[in-house]
mmCIF file of all heavy atoms, coordinates in Angstrom:
data_MODEL
# 
_entry.id   MODEL 
# 
loop_
_atom_site.group_PDB 
_atom_site.id 
_atom_site.type_symbol 
_atom_site.label_atom_id 
_atom_site.label_alt_id 
_atom_site.label_comp_id 
_atom_site.label_asym_id 
_atom_site.label_entity_id 
_atom_site.label_seq_id 
_atom_site.pdbx_PDB_ins_code 
_atom_site.Cartn_x 
_atom_site.Cartn_y 
_atom_site.Cartn_z 
_atom_site.occupancy 
_atom_site.B_iso_or_equiv 
_atom_site.pdbx_formal_charge 
_atom_site.auth_seq_id 
_atom_site.auth_comp_id 
_atom_site.auth_asym_id 
_atom_site.auth_atom_id 
_atom_site.pdbx_PDB_model_num 
ATOM 1   N N   . GLN A 1 1  ? -56.745 -83.902 -107.816 1.00 0.00 ? 1  GLN A N   1 
ATOM 2   C CA  . GLN A 1 1  ? -55.451 -84.440 -107.400 1.00 0.00 ? 1  GLN A CA  1 
ATOM 3   C C   . GLN A 1 1  ? -54.421 -84.268 -108.515 1.00 0.00 ? 1  GLN A C   1 
ATOM 4   O O   . GLN A 1 1  ? -53.279 -83.847 -108.274 1.00 0.00 ? 1  GLN A O   1 
ATOM 5   C CB  . GLN A 1 1  ? -55.580 -85.911 -107.034 1.00 0.00 ? 1  GLN A CB  1 
ATOM 6   C CG  . GLN A 1 1  ? -54.304 -86.557 -106.514 1.00 0.00 ? 1  GLN A CG  1 
ATOM 7   C CD  . GLN A 1 1  ? -53.918 -86.045 -105.134 1.00 0.00 ? 1  GLN A CD  1 
ATOM 8   O OE1 . GLN A 1 1  ? -54.636 -86.262 -104.170 1.00 0.00 ? 1  GLN A OE1 1 
ATOM 9   N NE2 . GLN A 1 1  ? -52.791 -85.357 -105.053 1.00 0.00 ? 1  GLN A NE2 1 
ATOM 10  N N   . ARG A 1 2  ? -54.826 -84.579 -109.741 1.00 0.00 ? 2  ARG A N   1 
ATOM 11  C CA  . ARG A 1 2  ? -53.916 -84.465 -110.880 1.00 0.00 ? 2  ARG A CA  1 
ATOM 12  C C   . ARG A 1 2  ? -53.502 -83.004 -111.100 1.00 0.00 ? 2  ARG A C   1 
ATOM 13  O O   . ARG A 1 2  ? -52.334 -82.708 -111.375 1.00 0.00 ? 2  ARG A O   1 
ATOM 14  C CB  . ARG A 1 2  ? -54.600 -85.016 -112.132 1.00 0.00 ? 2  ARG A CB  1 
ATOM 15  C CG  . ARG A 1 2  ? -53.707 -85.059 -113.369 1.00 0.00 ? 2  ARG A CG  1 
ATOM 16  C CD  . ARG A 1 2  ? -54.527 -85.410 -114.594 1.00 0.00 ? 2  ARG A CD  1 
ATOM 17  N NE  . ARG A 1 2  ? -55.309 -86.626 -114.380 1.00 0.00 ? 2  ARG A NE  1 
ATOM 18  C CZ  . ARG A 1 2  ? -56.451 -86.883 -115.010 1.00 0.00 ? 2  ARG A CZ  1 
ATOM 19  N NH1 . ARG A 1 2  ? -56.939 -86.017 -115.876 1.00 0.00 ? 2  ARG A NH1 1 
ATOM 20  N NH2 . ARG A 1 2  ? -57.092 -88.000 -114.783 1.00 0.00 ? 2  ARG A NH2 1 
ATOM 21  N N   . THR A 1 3  ? -54.453 -82.089 -110.972 1.00 0.00 ? 3  THR A N   1 
ATOM 22  C CA  . THR A 1 3  ? -54.153 -80.682 -111.191 1.00 0.00 ? 3  THR A CA  1 
ATOM 23  C C   . THR A 1 3  ? -53.238 -80.133 -110.113 1.00 0.00 ? 3  THR A C   1 
ATOM 24  O O   . THR A 1 3  ? -52.291 -79.386 -110.399 1.00 0.00 ? 3  THR A O   1 
ATOM 25  C CB  . THR A 1 3  ? -55.465 -79.869 -111.236 1.00 0.00 ? 3  THR A CB  1 
ATOM 26  O OG1 . THR A 1 3  ? -56.361 -80.452 -112.184 1.00 0.00 ? 3  THR A OG1 1 
ATOM 27  C CG2 . THR A 1 3  ? -55.194 -78.436 -111.653 1.00 0.00 ? 3  THR A CG2 1 
ATOM 28  N N   . VAL A 1 4  ? -53.498 -80.492 -108.868 1.00 0.00 ? 4  VAL A N   1 
ATOM 29  C CA  . VAL A 1 4  ? -52.633 -80.048 -107.772 1.00 0.00 ? 4  VAL A CA  1 
ATOM 30  C C   . VAL A 1 4  ? -51.212 -80.578 -107.974 1.00 0.00 ? 4  VAL A C   1 
ATOM 31  O O   . VAL A 1 4  ? -50.230 -79.855 -107.748 1.00 0.00 ? 4  VAL A O   1 
ATOM 32  C CB  . VAL A 1 4  ? -53.207 -80.510 -106.419 1.00 0.00 ? 4  VAL A CB  1 
ATOM 33  C CG1 . VAL A 1 4  ? -52.176 -80.295 -105.302 1.00 0.00 ? 4  VAL A CG1 1 
ATOM 34  C CG2 . VAL A 1 4  ? -54.486 -79.749 -106.102 1.00 0.00 ? 4  VAL A CG2 1 
ATOM 35  N N   . ASP A 1 5  ? -51.079 -81.828 -108.395 1.00 0.00 ? 5  ASP A N   1 
ATOM 36  C CA  . ASP A 1 5  ? -49.749 -82.405 -108.625 1.00 0.00 ? 5  ASP A CA  1 
ATOM 37  C C   . ASP A 1 5  ? -48.957 -81.589 -109.639 1.00 0.00 ? 5  ASP A C   1 
ATOM 38  O O   . ASP A 1 5  ? -47.740 -81.414 -109.505 1.00 0.00 ? 5  ASP A O   1 
ATOM 39  C CB  . ASP A 1 5  ? -49.874 -83.849 -109.109 1.00 0.00 ? 5  ASP A CB  1 
ATOM 40  C CG  . ASP A 1 5  ? -50.266 -84.808 -107.991 1.00 0.00 ? 5  ASP A CG  1 
ATOM 41  O OD1 . ASP A 1 5  ? -50.164 -84.415 -106.814 1.00 0.00 ? 5  ASP A OD1 1 
ATOM 42  O OD2 . ASP A 1 5  ? -50.699 -85.934 -108.308 1.00 0.00 ? 5  ASP A OD2 1 
ATOM 43  N N   . LEU A 1 6  ? -49.639 -81.088 -110.670 1.00 0.00 ? 6  LEU A N   1 
ATOM 44  C CA  . LEU A 1 6  ? -48.951 -80.318 -111.702 1.00 0.00 ? 6  LEU A CA  1 
ATOM 45  C C   . LEU A 1 6  ? -48.321 -79.062 -111.124 1.00 0.00 ? 6  LEU A C   1 
ATOM 46  O O   . LEU A 1 6  ? -47.216 -78.662 -111.520 1.00 0.00 ? 6  LEU A O   1 
ATOM 47  C CB  . LEU A 1 6  ? -49.938 -79.938 -112.815 1.00 0.00 ? 6  LEU A CB  1 
ATOM 48  C CG  . LEU A 1 6  ? -50.440 -81.070 -113.705 1.00 0.00 ? 6  LEU A CG  1 
ATOM 49  C CD1 . LEU A 1 6  ? -51.533 -80.558 -114.645 1.00 0.00 ? 6  LEU A CD1 1 
ATOM 50  C CD2 . LEU A 1 6  ? -49.307 -81.676 -114.512 1.00 0.00 ? 6  LEU A CD2 1 
ATOM 51  N N   . PHE A 1 7  ? -49.007 -78.416 -110.167 1.00 0.00 ? 7  PHE A N   1 
ATOM 52  C CA  . PHE A 1 7  ? -48.470 -77.203 -109.562 1.00 0.00 ? 7  PHE A CA  1 
ATOM 53  C C   . PHE A 1 7  ? -47.537 -77.509 -108.398 1.00 0.00 ? 7  PHE A C   1 
ATOM 54  O O   . PHE A 1 7  ? -46.471 -76.912 -108.277 1.00 0.00 ? 7  PHE A O   1 
ATOM 55  C CB  . PHE A 1 7  ? -49.624 -76.315 -109.062 1.00 0.00 ? 7  PHE A CB  1 
ATOM 56  C CG  . PHE A 1 7  ? -50.383 -75.630 -110.151 1.00 0.00 ? 7  PHE A CG  1 
ATOM 57  C CD1 . PHE A 1 7  ? -51.552 -76.173 -110.648 1.00 0.00 ? 7  PHE A CD1 1 
ATOM 58  C CD2 . PHE A 1 7  ? -49.924 -74.443 -110.700 1.00 0.00 ? 7  PHE A CD2 1 
ATOM 59  C CE1 . PHE A 1 7  ? -52.262 -75.541 -111.658 1.00 0.00 ? 7  PHE A CE1 1 
ATOM 60  C CE2 . PHE A 1 7  ? -50.617 -73.804 -111.708 1.00 0.00 ? 7  PHE A CE2 1 
ATOM 61  C CZ  . PHE A 1 7  ? -51.787 -74.353 -112.200 1.00 0.00 ? 7  PHE A CZ  1 
ATOM 62  N N   . GLN A 1 8  ? -47.943 -78.440 -107.551 1.00 0.00 ? 8  GLN A N   1 
ATOM 63  C CA  . GLN A 1 8  ? -47.206 -78.704 -106.322 1.00 0.00 ? 8  GLN A CA  1 
ATOM 64  C C   . GLN A 1 8  ? -45.783 -79.194 -106.581 1.00 0.00 ? 8  GLN A C   1 
ATOM 65  O O   . GLN A 1 8  ? -44.843 -78.802 -105.894 1.00 0.00 ? 8  GLN A O   1 
ATOM 66  C CB  . GLN A 1 8  ? -47.964 -79.728 -105.475 1.00 0.00 ? 8  GLN A CB  1 
ATOM 67  C CG  . GLN A 1 8  ? -47.447 -79.884 -104.063 1.00 0.00 ? 8  GLN A CG  1 
ATOM 68  C CD  . GLN A 1 8  ? -48.320 -80.815 -103.256 1.00 0.00 ? 8  GLN A CD  1 
ATOM 69  O OE1 . GLN A 1 8  ? -49.165 -81.523 -103.810 1.00 0.00 ? 8  GLN A OE1 1 
ATOM 70  N NE2 . GLN A 1 8  ? -48.146 -80.811 -101.947 1.00 0.00 ? 8  GLN A NE2 1 
ATOM 71  N N   . SER A 1 9  ? -45.614 -80.057 -107.590 1.00 0.00 ? 9  SER A N   1 
ATOM 72  C CA  . SER A 1 9  ? -44.301 -80.620 -107.860 1.00 0.00 ? 9  SER A CA  1 
ATOM 73  C C   . SER A 1 9  ? -43.392 -79.662 -108.605 1.00 0.00 ? 9  SER A C   1 
ATOM 74  O O   . SER A 1 9  ? -42.223 -79.942 -108.791 1.00 0.00 ? 9  SER A O   1 
ATOM 75  C CB  . SER A 1 9  ? -44.454 -81.911 -108.679 1.00 0.00 ? 9  SER A CB  1 
ATOM 76  O OG  . SER A 1 9  ? -45.186 -82.859 -107.950 1.00 0.00 ? 9  SER A OG  1 
ATOM 77  N N   . ASN A 1 10 ? -43.929 -78.527 -109.033 1.00 0.00 ? 10 ASN A N   1 
ATOM 78  C CA  . ASN A 1 10 ? -43.112 -77.556 -109.749 1.00 0.00 ? 10 ASN A CA  1 
ATOM 79  C C   . ASN A 1 10 ? -43.259 -76.171 -109.110 1.00 0.00 ? 10 ASN A C   1 
ATOM 80  O O   . ASN A 1 10 ? -43.378 -75.177 -109.792 1.00 0.00 ? 10 ASN A O   1 
ATOM 81  C CB  . ASN A 1 10 ? -43.515 -77.510 -111.223 1.00 0.00 ? 10 ASN A CB  1 
ATOM 82  C CG  . ASN A 1 10 ? -42.501 -76.766 -112.074 1.00 0.00 ? 10 ASN A CG  1 
ATOM 83  O OD1 . ASN A 1 10 ? -41.303 -76.892 -111.866 1.00 0.00 ? 10 ASN A OD1 1 
ATOM 84  N ND2 . ASN A 1 10 ? -42.980 -75.979 -113.019 1.00 0.00 ? 10 ASN A ND2 1 
ATOM 85  N N   . ASP A 1 11 ? -43.274 -76.162 -107.780 1.00 0.00 ? 11 ASP A N   1 
ATOM 86  C CA  . ASP A 1 11 ? -43.429 -74.923 -107.027 1.00 0.00 ? 11 ASP A CA  1 
ATOM 87  C C   . ASP A 1 11 ? -42.106 -74.604 -106.350 1.00 0.00 ? 11 ASP A C   1 
ATOM 88  O O   . ASP A 1 11 ? -41.828 -75.076 -105.246 1.00 0.00 ? 11 ASP A O   1 
ATOM 89  C CB  . ASP A 1 11 ? -44.545 -75.081 -105.981 1.00 0.00 ? 11 ASP A CB  1 
ATOM 90  C CG  . ASP A 1 11 ? -44.753 -73.801 -105.171 1.00 0.00 ? 11 ASP A CG  1 
ATOM 91  O OD1 . ASP A 1 11 ? -44.164 -72.768 -105.553 1.00 0.00 ? 11 ASP A OD1 1 
ATOM 92  O OD2 . ASP A 1 11 ? -45.492 -73.849 -104.174 1.00 0.00 ? 11 ASP A OD2 1 
ATOM 93  N N   . PRO A 1 12 ? -41.242 -73.790 -106.995 1.00 0.00 ? 12 PRO A N   1 
ATOM 94  C CA  . PRO A 1 12 ? -39.908 -73.538 -106.435 1.00 0.00 ? 12 PRO A CA  1 
ATOM 95  C C   . PRO A 1 12 ? -39.953 -72.816 -105.091 1.00 0.00 ? 12 PRO A C   1 
ATOM 96  O O   . PRO A 1 12 ? -39.048 -72.959 -104.275 1.00 0.00 ? 12 PRO A O   1 
ATOM 97  C CB  . PRO A 1 12 ? -39.229 -72.680 -107.518 1.00 0.00 ? 12 PRO A CB  1 
ATOM 98  C CG  . PRO A 1 12 ? -40.360 -72.040 -108.266 1.00 0.00 ? 12 PRO A CG  1 
ATOM 99  C CD  . PRO A 1 12 ? -41.476 -73.048 -108.244 1.00 0.00 ? 12 PRO A CD  1 
ATOM 100 N N   . LYS A 1 13 ? -41.004 -72.034 -104.855 1.00 0.00 ? 13 LYS A N   1 
ATOM 101 C CA  . LYS A 1 13 ? -41.088 -71.279 -103.609 1.00 0.00 ? 13 LYS A CA  1 
ATOM 102 C C   . LYS A 1 13 ? -41.776 -72.070 -102.498 1.00 0.00 ? 13 LYS A C   1 
ATOM 103 O O   . LYS A 1 13 ? -41.847 -71.618 -101.362 1.00 0.00 ? 13 LYS A O   1 
ATOM 104 C CB  . LYS A 1 13 ? -41.817 -69.951 -103.852 1.00 0.00 ? 13 LYS A CB  1 
ATOM 105 C CG  . LYS A 1 13 ? -41.069 -69.037 -104.826 1.00 0.00 ? 13 LYS A CG  1 
ATOM 106 C CD  . LYS A 1 13 ? -41.759 -67.694 -104.973 1.00 0.00 ? 13 LYS A CD  1 
ATOM 107 C CE  . LYS A 1 13 ? -40.986 -66.783 -105.922 1.00 0.00 ? 13 LYS A CE  1 
ATOM 108 N NZ  . LYS A 1 13 ? -41.634 -65.462 -106.081 1.00 0.00 ? 13 LYS A NZ  1 
ATOM 109 N N   . LYS A 1 14 ? -42.333 -73.244 -102.854 1.00 0.00 ? 14 LYS A N   1 
ATOM 110 C CA  . LYS A 1 14 ? -42.888 -74.172 -101.872 1.00 0.00 ? 14 LYS A CA  1 
ATOM 111 C C   . LYS A 1 14 ? -43.961 -73.540 -100.988 1.00 0.00 ? 14 LYS A C   1 
ATOM 112 O O   . LYS A 1 14 ? -43.793 -73.359 -99.778  1.00 0.00 ? 14 LYS A O   1 
ATOM 113 C CB  . LYS A 1 14 ? -41.769 -74.760 -100.991 1.00 0.00 ? 14 LYS A CB  1 
ATOM 114 C CG  . LYS A 1 14 ? -40.734 -75.549 -101.767 1.00 0.00 ? 14 LYS A CG  1 
ATOM 115 C CD  . LYS A 1 14 ? -41.374 -76.740 -102.466 1.00 0.00 ? 14 LYS A CD  1 
ATOM 116 C CE  . LYS A 1 14 ? -40.346 -77.545 -103.247 1.00 0.00 ? 14 LYS A CE  1 
ATOM 117 N NZ  . LYS A 1 14 ? -40.932 -78.627 -104.035 1.00 0.00 ? 14 LYS A NZ  1 
ATOM 118 N N   . ALA A 1 15 ? -45.064 -73.171 -101.603 1.00 0.00 ? 15 ALA A N   1 
ATOM 119 C CA  . ALA A 1 15 ? -46.227 -72.769 -100.817 1.00 0.00 ? 15 ALA A CA  1 
ATOM 120 C C   . ALA A 1 15 ? -46.721 -73.975 -100.029 1.00 0.00 ? 15 ALA A C   1 
ATOM 121 O O   . ALA A 1 15 ? -46.453 -75.124 -100.383 1.00 0.00 ? 15 ALA A O   1 
ATOM 122 C CB  . ALA A 1 15 ? -47.321 -72.245 -101.745 1.00 0.00 ? 15 ALA A CB  1 
ATOM 123 N N   . VAL A 1 16 ? -47.458 -73.726 -98.965  1.00 0.00 ? 16 VAL A N   1 
ATOM 124 C CA  . VAL A 1 16 ? -48.010 -74.798 -98.151  1.00 0.00 ? 16 VAL A CA  1 
ATOM 125 C C   . VAL A 1 16 ? -49.322 -75.268 -98.787  1.00 0.00 ? 16 VAL A C   1 
ATOM 126 O O   . VAL A 1 16 ? -50.257 -74.477 -98.954  1.00 0.00 ? 16 VAL A O   1 
ATOM 127 C CB  . VAL A 1 16 ? -48.260 -74.320 -96.707  1.00 0.00 ? 16 VAL A CB  1 
ATOM 128 C CG1 . VAL A 1 16 ? -48.894 -75.440 -95.885  1.00 0.00 ? 16 VAL A CG1 1 
ATOM 129 C CG2 . VAL A 1 16 ? -46.951 -73.861 -96.070  1.00 0.00 ? 16 VAL A CG2 1 
ATOM 130 N N   . TRP A 1 17 ? -49.376 -76.545 -99.150  1.00 0.00 ? 17 TRP A N   1 
ATOM 131 C CA  . TRP A 1 17 ? -50.566 -77.118 -99.782  1.00 0.00 ? 17 TRP A CA  1 
ATOM 132 C C   . TRP A 1 17 ? -51.302 -78.007 -98.778  1.00 0.00 ? 17 TRP A C   1 
ATOM 133 O O   . TRP A 1 17 ? -50.690 -78.834 -98.109  1.00 0.00 ? 17 TRP A O   1 
ATOM 134 C CB  . TRP A 1 17 ? -50.182 -77.958 -101.002 1.00 0.00 ? 17 TRP A CB  1 
ATOM 135 C CG  . TRP A 1 17 ? -49.642 -77.149 -102.143 1.00 0.00 ? 17 TRP A CG  1 
ATOM 136 C CD1 . TRP A 1 17 ? -48.364 -76.683 -102.287 1.00 0.00 ? 17 TRP A CD1 1 
ATOM 137 C CD2 . TRP A 1 17 ? -50.358 -76.705 -103.296 1.00 0.00 ? 17 TRP A CD2 1 
ATOM 138 N NE1 . TRP A 1 17 ? -48.238 -75.985 -103.462 1.00 0.00 ? 17 TRP A NE1 1 
ATOM 139 C CE2 . TRP A 1 17 ? -49.446 -75.980 -104.100 1.00 0.00 ? 17 TRP A CE2 1 
ATOM 140 C CE3 . TRP A 1 17 ? -51.672 -76.847 -103.726 1.00 0.00 ? 17 TRP A CE3 1 
ATOM 141 C CZ2 . TRP A 1 17 ? -49.816 -75.399 -105.299 1.00 0.00 ? 17 TRP A CZ2 1 
ATOM 142 C CZ3 . TRP A 1 17 ? -52.035 -76.275 -104.928 1.00 0.00 ? 17 TRP A CZ3 1 
ATOM 143 C CH2 . TRP A 1 17 ? -51.125 -75.552 -105.705 1.00 0.00 ? 17 TRP A CH2 1 
ATOM 144 N N   . GLN A 1 18 ? -52.608 -77.838 -98.696  1.00 0.00 ? 18 GLN A N   1 
ATOM 145 C CA  . GLN A 1 18 ? -53.450 -78.665 -97.837  1.00 0.00 ? 18 GLN A CA  1 
ATOM 146 C C   . GLN A 1 18 ? -54.584 -79.247 -98.671  1.00 0.00 ? 18 GLN A C   1 
ATOM 147 O O   . GLN A 1 18 ? -55.358 -78.496 -99.271  1.00 0.00 ? 18 GLN A O   1 
ATOM 148 C CB  . GLN A 1 18 ? -54.013 -77.852 -96.679  1.00 0.00 ? 18 GLN A CB  1 
ATOM 149 C CG  . GLN A 1 18 ? -52.949 -77.313 -95.727  1.00 0.00 ? 18 GLN A CG  1 
ATOM 150 C CD  . GLN A 1 18 ? -53.539 -76.514 -94.589  1.00 0.00 ? 18 GLN A CD  1 
ATOM 151 O OE1 . GLN A 1 18 ? -54.689 -76.112 -94.608  1.00 0.00 ? 18 GLN A OE1 1 
ATOM 152 N NE2 . GLN A 1 18 ? -52.734 -76.266 -93.562  1.00 0.00 ? 18 GLN A NE2 1 
ATOM 153 N N   . LEU A 1 19 ? -54.661 -80.572 -98.731  1.00 0.00 ? 19 LEU A N   1 
ATOM 154 C CA  . LEU A 1 19 ? -55.719 -81.258 -99.484  1.00 0.00 ? 19 LEU A CA  1 
ATOM 155 C C   . LEU A 1 19 ? -56.642 -81.989 -98.514  1.00 0.00 ? 19 LEU A C   1 
ATOM 156 O O   . LEU A 1 19 ? -56.186 -82.765 -97.674  1.00 0.00 ? 19 LEU A O   1 
ATOM 157 C CB  . LEU A 1 19 ? -55.122 -82.266 -100.472 1.00 0.00 ? 19 LEU A CB  1 
ATOM 158 C CG  . LEU A 1 19 ? -54.873 -81.746 -101.904 1.00 0.00 ? 19 LEU A CG  1 
ATOM 159 C CD1 . LEU A 1 19 ? -53.743 -80.721 -101.880 1.00 0.00 ? 19 LEU A CD1 1 
ATOM 160 C CD2 . LEU A 1 19 ? -54.536 -82.888 -102.839 1.00 0.00 ? 19 LEU A CD2 1 
ATOM 161 N N   . HIS A 1 20 ? -57.935 -81.704 -98.631  1.00 0.00 ? 20 HIS A N   1 
ATOM 162 C CA  . HIS A 1 20 ? -58.954 -82.373 -97.833  1.00 0.00 ? 20 HIS A CA  1 
ATOM 163 C C   . HIS A 1 20 ? -60.028 -82.882 -98.799  1.00 0.00 ? 20 HIS A C   1 
ATOM 164 O O   . HIS A 1 20 ? -61.029 -82.202 -99.032  1.00 0.00 ? 20 HIS A O   1 
ATOM 165 C CB  . HIS A 1 20 ? -59.548 -81.420 -96.795  1.00 0.00 ? 20 HIS A CB  1 
ATOM 166 C CG  . HIS A 1 20 ? -58.534 -80.773 -95.903  1.00 0.00 ? 20 HIS A CG  1 
ATOM 167 N ND1 . HIS A 1 20 ? -57.858 -81.467 -94.923  1.00 0.00 ? 20 HIS A ND1 1 
ATOM 168 C CD2 . HIS A 1 20 ? -58.055 -79.504 -95.871  1.00 0.00 ? 20 HIS A CD2 1 
ATOM 169 C CE1 . HIS A 1 20 ? -57.022 -80.655 -94.299  1.00 0.00 ? 20 HIS A CE1 1 
ATOM 170 N NE2 . HIS A 1 20 ? -57.107 -79.454 -94.865  1.00 0.00 ? 20 HIS A NE2 1 
ATOM 171 N N   . LEU A 1 21 ? -59.782 -84.042 -99.385  1.00 0.00 ? 21 LEU A N   1 
ATOM 172 C CA  . LEU A 1 21 ? -60.684 -84.588 -100.390 1.00 0.00 ? 21 LEU A CA  1 
ATOM 173 C C   . LEU A 1 21 ? -61.620 -85.610 -99.761  1.00 0.00 ? 21 LEU A C   1 
ATOM 174 O O   . LEU A 1 21 ? -61.163 -86.548 -99.102  1.00 0.00 ? 21 LEU A O   1 
ATOM 175 C CB  . LEU A 1 21 ? -59.883 -85.229 -101.528 1.00 0.00 ? 21 LEU A CB  1 
ATOM 176 C CG  . LEU A 1 21 ? -58.865 -84.312 -102.238 1.00 0.00 ? 21 LEU A CG  1 
ATOM 177 C CD1 . LEU A 1 21 ? -58.166 -85.082 -103.346 1.00 0.00 ? 21 LEU A CD1 1 
ATOM 178 C CD2 . LEU A 1 21 ? -59.539 -83.058 -102.777 1.00 0.00 ? 21 LEU A CD2 1 
ATOM 179 N N   . GLU A 1 22 ? -62.912 -85.411 -99.946  1.00 0.00 ? 22 GLU A N   1 
ATOM 180 C CA  . GLU A 1 22 ? -63.927 -86.326 -99.416  1.00 0.00 ? 22 GLU A CA  1 
ATOM 181 C C   . GLU A 1 22 ? -63.706 -87.729 -99.969  1.00 0.00 ? 22 GLU A C   1 
ATOM 182 O O   . GLU A 1 22 ? -63.725 -87.946 -101.183 1.00 0.00 ? 22 GLU A O   1 
ATOM 183 C CB  . GLU A 1 22 ? -65.320 -85.815 -99.806  1.00 0.00 ? 22 GLU A CB  1 
ATOM 184 C CG  . GLU A 1 22 ? -66.457 -86.782 -99.547  1.00 0.00 ? 22 GLU A CG  1 
ATOM 185 C CD  . GLU A 1 22 ? -66.614 -87.107 -98.081  1.00 0.00 ? 22 GLU A CD  1 
ATOM 186 O OE1 . GLU A 1 22 ? -66.723 -86.167 -97.281  1.00 0.00 ? 22 GLU A OE1 1 
ATOM 187 O OE2 . GLU A 1 22 ? -66.621 -88.318 -97.751  1.00 0.00 ? 22 GLU A OE2 1 
ATOM 188 N N   . ARG A 1 23 ? -63.479 -88.688 -99.080  1.00 0.00 ? 23 ARG A N   1 
ATOM 189 C CA  . ARG A 1 23 ? -63.153 -90.041 -99.529  1.00 0.00 ? 23 ARG A CA  1 
ATOM 190 C C   . ARG A 1 23 ? -64.359 -90.743 -100.149 1.00 0.00 ? 23 ARG A C   1 
ATOM 191 O O   . ARG A 1 23 ? -64.199 -91.649 -100.955 1.00 0.00 ? 23 ARG A O   1 
ATOM 192 C CB  . ARG A 1 23 ? -62.601 -90.869 -98.372  1.00 0.00 ? 23 ARG A CB  1 
ATOM 193 C CG  . ARG A 1 23 ? -61.224 -90.403 -97.893  1.00 0.00 ? 23 ARG A CG  1 
ATOM 194 C CD  . ARG A 1 23 ? -60.612 -91.398 -96.934  1.00 0.00 ? 23 ARG A CD  1 
ATOM 195 N NE  . ARG A 1 23 ? -60.414 -92.709 -97.556  1.00 0.00 ? 23 ARG A NE  1 
ATOM 196 C CZ  . ARG A 1 23 ? -59.373 -93.033 -98.316  1.00 0.00 ? 23 ARG A CZ  1 
ATOM 197 N NH1 . ARG A 1 23 ? -58.442 -92.136 -98.583  1.00 0.00 ? 23 ARG A NH1 1 
ATOM 198 N NH2 . ARG A 1 23 ? -59.265 -94.249 -98.833  1.00 0.00 ? 23 ARG A NH2 1 
ATOM 199 N N   . ARG A 1 24 ? -65.554 -90.353 -99.762  1.00 0.00 ? 24 ARG A N   1 
ATOM 200 C CA  . ARG A 1 24 ? -66.763 -90.953 -100.323 1.00 0.00 ? 24 ARG A CA  1 
ATOM 201 C C   . ARG A 1 24 ? -67.546 -89.900 -101.111 1.00 0.00 ? 24 ARG A C   1 
ATOM 202 O O   . ARG A 1 24 ? -68.715 -89.624 -100.840 1.00 0.00 ? 24 ARG A O   1 
ATOM 203 C CB  . ARG A 1 24 ? -67.615 -91.576 -99.213  1.00 0.00 ? 24 ARG A CB  1 
ATOM 204 C CG  . ARG A 1 24 ? -66.918 -92.741 -98.511  1.00 0.00 ? 24 ARG A CG  1 
ATOM 205 C CD  . ARG A 1 24 ? -67.810 -93.395 -97.474  1.00 0.00 ? 24 ARG A CD  1 
ATOM 206 N NE  . ARG A 1 24 ? -69.054 -93.904 -98.062  1.00 0.00 ? 24 ARG A NE  1 
ATOM 207 C CZ  . ARG A 1 24 ? -69.159 -95.053 -98.713  1.00 0.00 ? 24 ARG A CZ  1 
ATOM 208 N NH1 . ARG A 1 24 ? -68.073 -95.815 -98.906  1.00 0.00 ? 24 ARG A NH1 1 
ATOM 209 N NH2 . ARG A 1 24 ? -70.311 -95.456 -99.207  1.00 0.00 ? 24 ARG A NH2 1 
ATOM 210 N N   . LEU A 1 25 ? -66.830 -89.299 -102.067 1.00 0.00 ? 25 LEU A N   1 
ATOM 211 C CA  . LEU A 1 25 ? -67.423 -88.217 -102.852 1.00 0.00 ? 25 LEU A CA  1 
ATOM 212 C C   . LEU A 1 25 ? -68.483 -88.769 -103.803 1.00 0.00 ? 25 LEU A C   1 
ATOM 213 O O   . LEU A 1 25 ? -68.298 -89.809 -104.429 1.00 0.00 ? 25 LEU A O   1 
ATOM 214 C CB  . LEU A 1 25 ? -66.336 -87.508 -103.658 1.00 0.00 ? 25 LEU A CB  1 
ATOM 215 C CG  . LEU A 1 25 ? -66.729 -86.185 -104.317 1.00 0.00 ? 25 LEU A CG  1 
ATOM 216 C CD1 . LEU A 1 25 ? -67.004 -85.125 -103.250 1.00 0.00 ? 25 LEU A CD1 1 
ATOM 217 C CD2 . LEU A 1 25 ? -65.619 -85.701 -105.252 1.00 0.00 ? 25 LEU A CD2 1 
ATOM 218 N N   . PHE A 1 26 ? -69.592 -88.043 -103.906 1.00 0.00 ? 26 PHE A N   1 
ATOM 219 C CA  . PHE A 1 26 ? -70.653 -88.447 -104.820 1.00 0.00 ? 26 PHE A CA  1 
ATOM 220 C C   . PHE A 1 26 ? -70.164 -88.370 -106.275 1.00 0.00 ? 26 PHE A C   1 
ATOM 221 O O   . PHE A 1 26 ? -69.257 -87.602 -106.603 1.00 0.00 ? 26 PHE A O   1 
ATOM 222 C CB  . PHE A 1 26 ? -71.885 -87.552 -104.666 1.00 0.00 ? 26 PHE A CB  1 
ATOM 223 C CG  . PHE A 1 26 ? -72.621 -87.738 -103.368 1.00 0.00 ? 26 PHE A CG  1 
ATOM 224 C CD1 . PHE A 1 26 ? -73.427 -86.729 -102.854 1.00 0.00 ? 26 PHE A CD1 1 
ATOM 225 C CD2 . PHE A 1 26 ? -72.532 -88.933 -102.654 1.00 0.00 ? 26 PHE A CD2 1 
ATOM 226 C CE1 . PHE A 1 26 ? -74.110 -86.894 -101.670 1.00 0.00 ? 26 PHE A CE1 1 
ATOM 227 C CE2 . PHE A 1 26 ? -73.216 -89.110 -101.468 1.00 0.00 ? 26 PHE A CE2 1 
ATOM 228 C CZ  . PHE A 1 26 ? -74.005 -88.084 -100.959 1.00 0.00 ? 26 PHE A CZ  1 
# 
């Protein structure tokens, strides 16, 4: 999540980001 935020918030061309993070991750 932290790494995606670094790229997503500074993406001038606005690629489409899709996050599917397992809520009960081991």
